Amino acid sequence: MRQRVIADNIANVQTPGYQAKRVQFEAALASAVSQGNGRVSAHIATSLEPTREDGNNVNLDTEVVSNIDTNLRYQLATRAMDGKFSILRAAMRTS
C-alpha cells in the first residue's frame, strides 16, 4: 500500500492542487500489539506538509527517501521470513 501511495504522489508531483498522501500503519500496529489485539489495518491520510503556490504539496525528496525506506523494510521482512521458513524446512527434513 505504501509503495502504491508513494508512486501516486510521485506521478502527481506537477498536478496543481494535488495533496500528497501518507500511509499510517506503525502507530496502529503498536496500539494493537499493546492491547493484544490481532487486527490492525493501515489507512491513507492526506499529508499536512506546506503547499506550493499551485496547491500541490508533494516533496520529491521526501517521496524518494520514503520509497527507499519502504523497500529496505520490505527486504528485511522478507529475509526474516525466509530465515524462519529455512529453519522449519530443516526441522522437517530431520524429522
C-alpha atoms as a PDB file:
ATOM      1  CA  MET A   1       0.000   0.000   0.000  1.00  0.00           C
ATOM      2  CA  ARG A   2       2.783   2.386   0.913  1.00  0.00           C
ATOM      3  CA  GLN A   3       4.612   1.733  -2.365  1.00  0.00           C
ATOM      4  CA  ARG A   4       1.417   2.477  -4.328  1.00  0.00           C
ATOM      5  CA  VAL A   5       0.810   5.721  -2.413  1.00  0.00           C
ATOM      6  CA  ILE A   6       4.406   6.873  -2.963  1.00  0.00           C
ATOM      7  CA  ALA A   7       4.115   6.089  -6.685  1.00  0.00           C
ATOM      8  CA  ASP A   8       0.850   8.077  -6.859  1.00  0.00           C
ATOM      9  CA  ASN A   9       2.490  11.015  -5.095  1.00  0.00           C
ATOM     10  CA  ILE A  10       5.467  10.998  -7.471  1.00  0.00           C
ATOM     11  CA  ALA A  11       3.187  10.690 -10.506  1.00  0.00           C
ATOM     12  CA  ASN A  12       1.294  13.780  -9.334  1.00  0.00           C
ATOM     13  CA  VAL A  13       4.285  15.933  -8.389  1.00  0.00           C
ATOM     14  CA  GLN A  14       3.289  18.537 -11.016  1.00  0.00           C
ATOM     15  CA  THR A  15      -0.506  18.258 -10.640  1.00  0.00           C
ATOM     16  CA  PRO A  16      -1.935  21.554  -9.363  1.00  0.00           C
ATOM     17  CA  GLY A  17      -3.939  21.141  -6.169  1.00  0.00           C
ATOM     18  CA  TYR A  18      -2.795  17.551  -5.519  1.00  0.00           C
ATOM     19  CA  GLN A  19      -2.231  16.797  -1.857  1.00  0.00           C
ATOM     20  CA  ALA A  20       0.348  14.123  -1.028  1.00  0.00           C
ATOM     21  CA  LYS A  21      -0.892  11.030   0.782  1.00  0.00           C
ATOM     22  CA  ARG A  22       0.758   9.114   3.619  1.00  0.00           C
ATOM     23  CA  VAL A  23       0.128   5.563   4.804  1.00  0.00           C
ATOM     24  CA  GLN A  24      -0.323   5.387   8.557  1.00  0.00           C
ATOM     25  CA  PHE A  25       0.314   1.922   9.919  1.00  0.00           C
ATOM     26  CA  GLU A  26       3.053   1.827  12.559  1.00  0.00           C
ATOM     27  CA  ALA A  27       1.073   3.653  15.273  1.00  0.00           C
ATOM     28  CA  ALA A  28      -1.950   1.403  14.674  1.00  0.00           C
ATOM     29  CA  LEU A  29       0.289  -1.676  14.880  1.00  0.00           C
ATOM     30  CA  ALA A  30       1.891  -0.535  18.135  1.00  0.00           C
ATOM     31  CA  SER A  31      -1.538   0.137  19.624  1.00  0.00           C
ATOM     32  CA  ALA A  32      -2.871  -3.253  18.541  1.00  0.00           C
ATOM     33  CA  VAL A  33       0.159  -5.046  19.976  1.00  0.00           C
ATOM     34  CA  SER A  34      -0.084  -3.224  23.299  1.00  0.00           C
ATOM     35  CA  GLN A  35      -3.783  -4.101  23.551  1.00  0.00           C
ATOM     36  CA  GLY A  36      -3.242  -7.712  22.492  1.00  0.00           C
ATOM     37  CA  ASN A  37      -5.490  -7.157  19.502  1.00  0.00           C
ATOM     38  CA  GLY A  38      -4.784  -9.346  16.480  1.00  0.00           C
ATOM     39  CA  ARG A  39      -6.405  -6.989  14.000  1.00  0.00           C
ATOM     40  CA  VAL A  40      -4.692  -3.953  12.567  1.00  0.00           C
ATOM     41  CA  SER A  41      -5.094  -2.076   9.328  1.00  0.00           C
ATOM     42  CA  ALA A  42      -3.340   0.746   7.579  1.00  0.00           C
ATOM     43  CA  HIS A  43      -5.114   3.821   6.363  1.00  0.00           C
ATOM     44  CA  ILE A  44      -4.241   6.616   3.978  1.00  0.00           C
ATOM     45  CA  ALA A  45      -4.174  10.194   5.222  1.00  0.00           C
ATOM     46  CA  THR A  46      -3.510  13.485   3.474  1.00  0.00           C
ATOM     47  CA  SER A  47      -0.094  14.965   4.151  1.00  0.00           C
ATOM     48  CA  LEU A  48      -0.017  18.123   6.244  1.00  0.00           C
ATOM     49  CA  GLU A  49       3.138  19.455   4.595  1.00  0.00           C
ATOM     50  CA  PRO A  50       3.014  23.054   3.348  1.00  0.00           C
ATOM     51  CA  THR A  51       1.710  23.587  -0.169  1.00  0.00           C
ATOM     52  CA  ARG A  52       3.330  25.390  -3.059  1.00  0.00           C
ATOM     53  CA  GLU A  53       1.640  28.244  -4.894  1.00  0.00           C
ATOM     54  CA  ASP A  54      -0.199  25.767  -7.135  1.00  0.00           C
ATOM     55  CA  GLY A  55      -1.700  23.987  -4.100  1.00  0.00           C
ATOM     56  CA  ASN A  56       0.472  20.884  -4.531  1.00  0.00           C
ATOM     57  CA  ASN A  57       2.480  19.692  -1.515  1.00  0.00           C
ATOM     58  CA  VAL A  58       4.398  16.709  -2.950  1.00  0.00           C
ATOM     59  CA  ASN A  59       8.072  16.902  -1.992  1.00  0.00           C
ATOM     60  CA  LEU A  60      10.035  14.695  -4.392  1.00  0.00           C
ATOM     61  CA  ASP A  61      12.975  14.342  -1.973  1.00  0.00           C
ATOM     62  CA  THR A  62      10.646  13.119   0.783  1.00  0.00           C
ATOM     63  CA  GLU A  63       8.997  10.641  -1.576  1.00  0.00           C
ATOM     64  CA  VAL A  64      12.315   9.213  -2.773  1.00  0.00           C
ATOM     65  CA  VAL A  65      13.585   8.742   0.790  1.00  0.00           C
ATOM     66  CA  SER A  66      10.270   7.197   1.820  1.00  0.00           C
ATOM     67  CA  ASN A  67      10.424   4.822  -1.141  1.00  0.00           C
ATOM     68  CA  ILE A  68      13.957   3.714  -0.250  1.00  0.00           C
ATOM     69  CA  ASP A  69      12.950   3.219   3.394  1.00  0.00           C
ATOM     70  CA  THR A  70       9.887   1.200   2.383  1.00  0.00           C
ATOM     71  CA  ASN A  71      11.919  -1.027   0.069  1.00  0.00           C
ATOM     72  CA  LEU A  72      14.576  -1.665   2.716  1.00  0.00           C
ATOM     73  CA  ARG A  73      11.937  -2.563   5.296  1.00  0.00           C
ATOM     74  CA  TYR A  74      10.293  -4.941   2.816  1.00  0.00           C
ATOM     75  CA  GLN A  75      13.627  -6.626   2.066  1.00  0.00           C
ATOM     76  CA  LEU A  76      14.323  -7.008   5.787  1.00  0.00           C
ATOM     77  CA  ALA A  77      10.903  -8.536   6.420  1.00  0.00           C
ATOM     78  CA  THR A  78      11.189 -10.988   3.527  1.00  0.00           C
ATOM     79  CA  ARG A  79      14.676 -12.074   4.609  1.00  0.00           C
ATOM     80  CA  ALA A  80      13.469 -12.587   8.168  1.00  0.00           C
ATOM     81  CA  MET A  81      10.569 -14.725   6.969  1.00  0.00           C
ATOM     82  CA  ASP A  82      12.865 -16.663   4.655  1.00  0.00           C
ATOM     83  CA  GLY A  83      15.090 -17.405   7.650  1.00  0.00           C
ATOM     84  CA  LYS A  84      12.107 -18.676   9.644  1.00  0.00           C
ATOM     85  CA  PHE A  85      10.987 -20.904   6.765  1.00  0.00           C
ATOM     86  CA  SER A  86      14.532 -22.233   6.348  1.00  0.00           C
ATOM     87  CA  ILE A  87      14.515 -23.312   9.998  1.00  0.00           C
ATOM     88  CA  LEU A  88      11.139 -25.009   9.526  1.00  0.00           C
ATOM     89  CA  ARG A  89      12.328 -26.783   6.351  1.00  0.00           C
ATOM     90  CA  ALA A  90      15.448 -28.025   8.156  1.00  0.00           C
ATOM     91  CA  ALA A  91      13.354 -29.264  11.084  1.00  0.00           C
ATOM     92  CA  MET A  92      11.002 -31.145   8.734  1.00  0.00           C
ATOM     93  CA  ARG A  93      13.935 -32.809   6.956  1.00  0.00           C
ATOM     94  CA  THR A  94      15.427 -34.098  10.203  1.00  0.00           C
ATOM     95  CA  SER A  95      12.122 -35.483  11.462  1.00  0.00           C
END
